[in-house]
Amino acid sequence: MLKGIGVGAMVHAMGGFAASAEDSAAVFELRVYHTVEGRLPALLARFREHTVALFARHGIKSVAYWMPLDEPLKGKTLFYVLKYPGREQAAAMWKAFSEDPEWVKVRTESEADGKIVERVESTFLELTDFSPRV
């Protein structure tokens, strides 16, 4: 019965874990933003109203955004994951985003009442062979 169907159909029938060439080269970036005390709402507003759209404009795919439920990070930390076609593209896309005049304006205006982000952590990741594709 399986003899007549292609590999793609077979893999799909087995759970869809096959990666396309694009997915296998993709890299992910886990970013953690630690905010200045009391400034998480300003950071969330900036992401909601500007940053996510600017990421998309520069080809940066937002995978998901999270806020911790437990102390000591609750109420002052944002975790998120971005997806890029590859590591070199990630560097080029991030550079273009960070130099975008609209981003510079948004960041400057959003920090008129003071600095928002105290510290940023960034870790690049690759999917394992047993991970569901995202």
C-alpha atoms as a PDB file:
ATOM      1  CA  MET A   1       0.000   0.000   0.000  1.00  0.00           C
ATOM      2  CA  LEU A   2       2.771   2.500   0.858  1.00  0.00           C
ATOM      3  CA  LYS A   3       4.651   1.645  -2.325  1.00  0.00           C
ATOM      4  CA  GLY A   4       2.592   4.002  -4.479  1.00  0.00           C
ATOM      5  CA  ILE A   5       2.807   7.148  -2.322  1.00  0.00           C
ATOM      6  CA  GLY A   6       5.674   9.600  -2.241  1.00  0.00           C
ATOM      7  CA  VAL A   7       8.043  10.205   0.640  1.00  0.00           C
ATOM      8  CA  GLY A   8       6.359  13.507   1.510  1.00  0.00           C
ATOM      9  CA  ALA A   9       2.949  11.843   1.808  1.00  0.00           C
ATOM     10  CA  MET A  10       4.449   9.019   3.841  1.00  0.00           C
ATOM     11  CA  VAL A  11       6.141  11.406   6.254  1.00  0.00           C
ATOM     12  CA  HIS A  12       2.954  13.446   6.533  1.00  0.00           C
ATOM     13  CA  ALA A  13       1.042  10.272   7.372  1.00  0.00           C
ATOM     14  CA  MET A  14       3.656   9.468  10.013  1.00  0.00           C
ATOM     15  CA  GLY A  15       3.225  12.765  11.823  1.00  0.00           C
ATOM     16  CA  GLY A  16       4.706  15.430   9.594  1.00  0.00           C
ATOM     17  CA  PHE A  17       8.176  15.646  11.102  1.00  0.00           C
ATOM     18  CA  ALA A  18      10.056  16.014   7.809  1.00  0.00           C
ATOM     19  CA  ALA A  19      11.814  19.323   7.414  1.00  0.00           C
ATOM     20  CA  SER A  20      11.907  21.189   4.160  1.00  0.00           C
ATOM     21  CA  ALA A  21      15.271  22.473   2.964  1.00  0.00           C
ATOM     22  CA  GLU A  22      14.184  25.902   4.229  1.00  0.00           C
ATOM     23  CA  ASP A  23      13.326  24.547   7.678  1.00  0.00           C
ATOM     24  CA  SER A  24      16.529  22.548   8.030  1.00  0.00           C
ATOM     25  CA  ALA A  25      18.638  25.698   7.509  1.00  0.00           C
ATOM     26  CA  ALA A  26      16.431  27.822   9.768  1.00  0.00           C
ATOM     27  CA  VAL A  27      17.753  29.115  13.052  1.00  0.00           C
ATOM     28  CA  PHE A  28      15.849  30.381  16.032  1.00  0.00           C
ATOM     29  CA  GLU A  29      16.780  33.059  18.503  1.00  0.00           C
ATOM     30  CA  LEU A  30      15.585  33.001  22.086  1.00  0.00           C
ATOM     31  CA  ARG A  31      15.613  36.545  23.431  1.00  0.00           C
ATOM     32  CA  VAL A  32      15.016  37.468  27.053  1.00  0.00           C
ATOM     33  CA  TYR A  33      14.385  41.093  27.965  1.00  0.00           C
ATOM     34  CA  HIS A  34      14.806  42.069  31.600  1.00  0.00           C
ATOM     35  CA  THR A  35      13.074  45.406  32.107  1.00  0.00           C
ATOM     36  CA  VAL A  36      13.727  48.283  34.421  1.00  0.00           C
ATOM     37  CA  GLU A  37      11.375  48.010  37.419  1.00  0.00           C
ATOM     38  CA  GLY A  38       7.853  49.066  36.424  1.00  0.00           C
ATOM     39  CA  ARG A  39       8.614  49.306  32.688  1.00  0.00           C
ATOM     40  CA  LEU A  40       7.278  45.960  31.395  1.00  0.00           C
ATOM     41  CA  PRO A  41       3.943  47.551  30.312  1.00  0.00           C
ATOM     42  CA  ALA A  42       5.877  50.054  28.162  1.00  0.00           C
ATOM     43  CA  LEU A  43       7.881  47.221  26.577  1.00  0.00           C
ATOM     44  CA  LEU A  44       4.744  45.184  25.860  1.00  0.00           C
ATOM     45  CA  ALA A  45       3.032  48.217  24.310  1.00  0.00           C
ATOM     46  CA  ARG A  46       6.082  48.858  22.105  1.00  0.00           C
ATOM     47  CA  PHE A  47       6.075  45.258  20.882  1.00  0.00           C
ATOM     48  CA  ARG A  48       2.299  45.178  20.412  1.00  0.00           C
ATOM     49  CA  GLU A  49       2.091  48.500  18.590  1.00  0.00           C
ATOM     50  CA  HIS A  50       5.365  48.609  16.629  1.00  0.00           C
ATOM     51  CA  THR A  51       8.124  46.025  17.070  1.00  0.00           C
ATOM     52  CA  VAL A  52       6.319  42.897  15.837  1.00  0.00           C
ATOM     53  CA  ALA A  53       5.277  44.637  12.605  1.00  0.00           C
ATOM     54  CA  LEU A  54       8.790  46.000  12.106  1.00  0.00           C
ATOM     55  CA  PHE A  55      10.245  42.513  12.581  1.00  0.00           C
ATOM     56  CA  ALA A  56       7.888  41.206   9.870  1.00  0.00           C
ATOM     57  CA  ARG A  57       8.817  44.050   7.528  1.00  0.00           C
ATOM     58  CA  HIS A  58      12.454  42.937   7.796  1.00  0.00           C
ATOM     59  CA  GLY A  59      11.649  39.246   7.247  1.00  0.00           C
ATOM     60  CA  ILE A  60      12.057  38.285  10.906  1.00  0.00           C
ATOM     61  CA  LYS A  61       9.380  35.758  11.856  1.00  0.00           C
ATOM     62  CA  SER A  62       7.908  35.983  15.339  1.00  0.00           C
ATOM     63  CA  VAL A  63       7.330  32.460  16.694  1.00  0.00           C
ATOM     64  CA  ALA A  64       5.909  33.266  20.142  1.00  0.00           C
ATOM     65  CA  TYR A  65       6.119  35.651  23.076  1.00  0.00           C
ATOM     66  CA  TRP A  66       5.852  34.706  26.770  1.00  0.00           C
ATOM     67  CA  MET A  67       5.827  36.295  30.203  1.00  0.00           C
ATOM     68  CA  PRO A  68       6.877  34.325  33.293  1.00  0.00           C
ATOM     69  CA  LEU A  69       4.193  33.396  35.798  1.00  0.00           C
ATOM     70  CA  ASP A  70       6.543  32.975  38.755  1.00  0.00           C
ATOM     71  CA  GLU A  71       8.895  35.172  40.752  1.00  0.00           C
ATOM     72  CA  PRO A  72      11.539  36.422  40.499  1.00  0.00           C
ATOM     73  CA  LEU A  73      10.977  37.151  36.771  1.00  0.00           C
ATOM     74  CA  LYS A  74       7.202  37.742  36.882  1.00  0.00           C
ATOM     75  CA  GLY A  75       6.171  41.261  35.920  1.00  0.00           C
ATOM     76  CA  LYS A  76       9.563  42.328  34.613  1.00  0.00           C
ATOM     77  CA  THR A  77      10.645  39.887  31.906  1.00  0.00           C
ATOM     78  CA  LEU A  78       9.667  39.074  28.320  1.00  0.00           C
ATOM     79  CA  PHE A  79      10.775  35.887  26.584  1.00  0.00           C
ATOM     80  CA  TYR A  80      10.355  35.469  22.844  1.00  0.00           C
ATOM     81  CA  VAL A  81      11.553  33.371  19.923  1.00  0.00           C
ATOM     82  CA  LEU A  82      12.319  34.595  16.429  1.00  0.00           C
ATOM     83  CA  LYS A  83      12.892  32.484  13.315  1.00  0.00           C
ATOM     84  CA  TYR A  84      15.337  33.312  10.534  1.00  0.00           C
ATOM     85  CA  PRO A  85      16.193  31.488   7.277  1.00  0.00           C
ATOM     86  CA  GLY A  86      19.819  31.071   8.450  1.00  0.00           C
ATOM     87  CA  ARG A  87      22.450  32.518  10.748  1.00  0.00           C
ATOM     88  CA  GLU A  88      23.923  34.953   8.199  1.00  0.00           C
ATOM     89  CA  GLN A  89      20.453  36.170   7.267  1.00  0.00           C
ATOM     90  CA  ALA A  90      19.691  36.648  10.969  1.00  0.00           C
ATOM     91  CA  ALA A  91      22.615  39.041  11.316  1.00  0.00           C
ATOM     92  CA  ALA A  92      21.648  40.974   8.180  1.00  0.00           C
ATOM     93  CA  MET A  93      17.954  41.148   9.131  1.00  0.00           C
ATOM     94  CA  TRP A  94      18.720  42.282  12.687  1.00  0.00           C
ATOM     95  CA  LYS A  95      21.109  44.944  11.405  1.00  0.00           C
ATOM     96  CA  ALA A  96      18.479  46.252   8.970  1.00  0.00           C
ATOM     97  CA  PHE A  97      15.846  46.274  11.722  1.00  0.00           C
ATOM     98  CA  SER A  98      18.070  48.059  14.239  1.00  0.00           C
ATOM     99  CA  GLU A  99      18.970  50.745  11.674  1.00  0.00           C
ATOM    100  CA  ASP A 100      15.405  51.244  10.420  1.00  0.00           C
ATOM    101  CA  PRO A 101      14.521  54.936  10.948  1.00  0.00           C
ATOM    102  CA  GLU A 102      11.028  54.000  12.114  1.00  0.00           C
ATOM    103  CA  TRP A 103      12.476  51.650  14.779  1.00  0.00           C
ATOM    104  CA  VAL A 104      14.941  54.314  15.947  1.00  0.00           C
ATOM    105  CA  LYS A 105      12.054  56.791  16.271  1.00  0.00           C
ATOM    106  CA  VAL A 106       9.803  54.292  18.097  1.00  0.00           C
ATOM    107  CA  ARG A 107      12.564  53.285  20.510  1.00  0.00           C
ATOM    108  CA  THR A 108      13.486  56.918  21.221  1.00  0.00           C
ATOM    109  CA  GLU A 109       9.868  57.988  21.776  1.00  0.00           C
ATOM    110  CA  SER A 110       9.043  54.962  23.938  1.00  0.00           C
ATOM    111  CA  GLU A 111      12.022  55.742  26.172  1.00  0.00           C
ATOM    112  CA  ALA A 112      11.112  59.408  26.665  1.00  0.00           C
ATOM    113  CA  ASP A 113      10.061  58.558  30.234  1.00  0.00           C
ATOM    114  CA  GLY A 114      13.217  56.544  30.861  1.00  0.00           C
ATOM    115  CA  LYS A 115      15.021  53.419  29.837  1.00  0.00           C
ATOM    116  CA  ILE A 116      12.814  50.321  29.361  1.00  0.00           C
ATOM    117  CA  VAL A 117      15.184  47.386  28.965  1.00  0.00           C
ATOM    118  CA  GLU A 118      17.852  46.789  31.570  1.00  0.00           C
ATOM    119  CA  ARG A 119      19.447  43.696  30.013  1.00  0.00           C
ATOM    120  CA  VAL A 120      19.002  41.454  26.951  1.00  0.00           C
ATOM    121  CA  GLU A 121      19.980  37.806  26.635  1.00  0.00           C
ATOM    122  CA  SER A 122      20.201  36.229  23.178  1.00  0.00           C
ATOM    123  CA  THR A 123      20.755  32.557  22.345  1.00  0.00           C
ATOM    124  CA  PHE A 124      20.676  31.080  18.837  1.00  0.00           C
ATOM    125  CA  LEU A 125      19.141  27.622  18.560  1.00  0.00           C
ATOM    126  CA  GLU A 126      18.537  24.901  16.001  1.00  0.00           C
ATOM    127  CA  LEU A 127      15.748  22.334  16.038  1.00  0.00           C
ATOM    128  CA  THR A 128      16.541  18.770  16.987  1.00  0.00           C
ATOM    129  CA  ASP A 129      15.654  15.967  14.582  1.00  0.00           C
ATOM    130  CA  PHE A 130      12.780  14.900  16.873  1.00  0.00           C
ATOM    131  CA  SER A 131      11.250  18.348  17.342  1.00  0.00           C
ATOM    132  CA  PRO A 132       7.903  19.207  15.801  1.00  0.00           C
ATOM    133  CA  ARG A 133       8.488  21.742  13.025  1.00  0.00           C
ATOM    134  CA  VAL A 134       7.630  25.350  13.790  1.00  0.00           C
END
